[in-house]
Amino acid sequence: MATNKKPANQLRCGNIKATIWENTSEKGPFFATTFSRPFKDQSGMWRNSTSFGLNDLEALMNVAFEAKEWIAAHVLKR
């Protein structure tokens, strides 16, 4: 998501990051989540991958659950 908009929240579990975005549609605001795994490329620059290996999957499940709980709590407040 390439915007200048600030995320509603960011969560981490190990090396996996969930970024929660608040968006608007004709039906009103809603949340969407992107997941990434930071890594250093061959030149030493930090990059983000959206590909996850076997060792990443448990952290991905945990951070996805945390994101679901965060979004559910914030939707109920409306």
C-alpha atoms as a PDB file:
ATOM      1  CA  MET A   1       0.000   0.000   0.000  1.00  0.00           C
ATOM      2  CA  ALA A   2       1.890   3.022  -1.231  1.00  0.00           C
ATOM      3  CA  THR A   3       0.287   6.006   0.443  1.00  0.00           C
ATOM      4  CA  ASN A   4       1.398   8.853   2.656  1.00  0.00           C
ATOM      5  CA  LYS A   5      -1.229   7.796   5.161  1.00  0.00           C
ATOM      6  CA  LYS A   6      -0.057   6.714   8.607  1.00  0.00           C
ATOM      7  CA  PRO A   7      -1.055   3.190   9.694  1.00  0.00           C
ATOM      8  CA  ALA A   8      -3.778   2.827  12.311  1.00  0.00           C
ATOM      9  CA  ASN A   9      -1.490   0.390  14.162  1.00  0.00           C
ATOM     10  CA  GLN A  10       1.537  -1.850  13.732  1.00  0.00           C
ATOM     11  CA  LEU A  11       2.007  -5.131  15.562  1.00  0.00           C
ATOM     12  CA  ARG A  12       5.029  -7.410  15.708  1.00  0.00           C
ATOM     13  CA  CYS A  13       5.615 -11.015  16.572  1.00  0.00           C
ATOM     14  CA  GLY A  14       9.223 -12.016  16.213  1.00  0.00           C
ATOM     15  CA  ASN A  15      10.360 -10.900  12.796  1.00  0.00           C
ATOM     16  CA  ILE A  16       6.844 -10.601  11.353  1.00  0.00           C
ATOM     17  CA  LYS A  17       4.992  -7.285  11.193  1.00  0.00           C
ATOM     18  CA  ALA A  18       1.271  -6.627  10.742  1.00  0.00           C
ATOM     19  CA  THR A  19       0.349  -3.144   9.579  1.00  0.00           C
ATOM     20  CA  ILE A  20      -3.288  -2.173  10.046  1.00  0.00           C
ATOM     21  CA  TRP A  21      -4.696   0.482   7.733  1.00  0.00           C
ATOM     22  CA  GLU A  22      -7.962   2.369   8.083  1.00  0.00           C
ATOM     23  CA  ASN A  23      -9.661   2.920   4.747  1.00  0.00           C
ATOM     24  CA  THR A  24     -12.958   4.405   3.640  1.00  0.00           C
ATOM     25  CA  SER A  25     -15.468   3.160   1.118  1.00  0.00           C
ATOM     26  CA  GLU A  26     -19.000   4.022   0.084  1.00  0.00           C
ATOM     27  CA  LYS A  27     -20.166   1.922   3.039  1.00  0.00           C
ATOM     28  CA  GLY A  28     -17.939   3.744   5.531  1.00  0.00           C
ATOM     29  CA  PRO A  29     -14.573   3.109   7.177  1.00  0.00           C
ATOM     30  CA  PHE A  30     -12.992  -0.334   7.379  1.00  0.00           C
ATOM     31  CA  PHE A  31      -9.641  -1.836   8.348  1.00  0.00           C
ATOM     32  CA  ALA A  32      -7.253  -3.839   6.184  1.00  0.00           C
ATOM     33  CA  THR A  33      -4.032  -5.553   7.244  1.00  0.00           C
ATOM     34  CA  THR A  34      -0.774  -6.161   5.423  1.00  0.00           C
ATOM     35  CA  PHE A  35       1.903  -8.556   6.647  1.00  0.00           C
ATOM     36  CA  SER A  36       5.627  -8.295   6.018  1.00  0.00           C
ATOM     37  CA  ARG A  37       8.959  -9.754   6.999  1.00  0.00           C
ATOM     38  CA  PRO A  38      11.911  -7.343   7.018  1.00  0.00           C
ATOM     39  CA  PHE A  39      15.292  -8.551   5.754  1.00  0.00           C
ATOM     40  CA  LYS A  40      18.626  -7.101   4.634  1.00  0.00           C
ATOM     41  CA  ASP A  41      19.475  -7.477   0.970  1.00  0.00           C
ATOM     42  CA  GLN A  42      22.963  -8.189  -0.379  1.00  0.00           C
ATOM     43  CA  SER A  43      23.909  -4.501  -0.209  1.00  0.00           C
ATOM     44  CA  GLY A  44      22.843  -4.251   3.450  1.00  0.00           C
ATOM     45  CA  MET A  45      19.658  -2.270   2.736  1.00  0.00           C
ATOM     46  CA  TRP A  46      16.516  -3.159   4.666  1.00  0.00           C
ATOM     47  CA  ARG A  47      13.687  -4.500   2.505  1.00  0.00           C
ATOM     48  CA  ASN A  48      10.287  -6.028   3.223  1.00  0.00           C
ATOM     49  CA  SER A  49       9.107  -9.366   1.931  1.00  0.00           C
ATOM     50  CA  THR A  50       5.575 -10.679   1.797  1.00  0.00           C
ATOM     51  CA  SER A  51       6.830 -14.233   1.446  1.00  0.00           C
ATOM     52  CA  PHE A  52       7.003 -16.410   4.549  1.00  0.00           C
ATOM     53  CA  GLY A  53       8.925 -19.610   5.195  1.00  0.00           C
ATOM     54  CA  LEU A  54       8.135 -22.501   7.506  1.00  0.00           C
ATOM     55  CA  ASN A  55       9.902 -20.816  10.430  1.00  0.00           C
ATOM     56  CA  ASP A  56       7.820 -17.633   9.962  1.00  0.00           C
ATOM     57  CA  LEU A  57       4.372 -19.210   9.936  1.00  0.00           C
ATOM     58  CA  GLU A  58       3.776 -19.487  13.689  1.00  0.00           C
ATOM     59  CA  ALA A  59       4.691 -15.815  14.192  1.00  0.00           C
ATOM     60  CA  LEU A  60       2.480 -14.925  11.201  1.00  0.00           C
ATOM     61  CA  MET A  61      -0.470 -16.765  12.773  1.00  0.00           C
ATOM     62  CA  ASN A  62       0.104 -15.045  16.122  1.00  0.00           C
ATOM     63  CA  VAL A  63       0.365 -11.539  14.692  1.00  0.00           C
ATOM     64  CA  ALA A  64      -2.667 -12.183  12.459  1.00  0.00           C
ATOM     65  CA  PHE A  65      -4.672 -13.151  15.556  1.00  0.00           C
ATOM     66  CA  GLU A  66      -3.481 -10.006  17.373  1.00  0.00           C
ATOM     67  CA  ALA A  67      -4.477  -7.890  14.357  1.00  0.00           C
ATOM     68  CA  LYS A  68      -7.928  -9.522  14.296  1.00  0.00           C
ATOM     69  CA  GLU A  69      -8.407  -8.773  18.006  1.00  0.00           C
ATOM     70  CA  TRP A  70      -7.240  -5.151  17.585  1.00  0.00           C
ATOM     71  CA  ILE A  71      -9.553  -4.554  14.643  1.00  0.00           C
ATOM     72  CA  ALA A  72     -12.515  -6.199  16.395  1.00  0.00           C
ATOM     73  CA  ALA A  73     -11.989  -3.997  19.457  1.00  0.00           C
ATOM     74  CA  HIS A  74     -11.815  -0.827  17.335  1.00  0.00           C
ATOM     75  CA  VAL A  75     -14.831  -1.705  15.185  1.00  0.00           C
ATOM     76  CA  LEU A  76     -16.918  -2.252  18.327  1.00  0.00           C
ATOM     77  CA  LYS A  77     -16.033   1.246  19.568  1.00  0.00           C
ATOM     78  CA  ARG A  78     -17.823   2.856  16.597  1.00  0.00           C
END
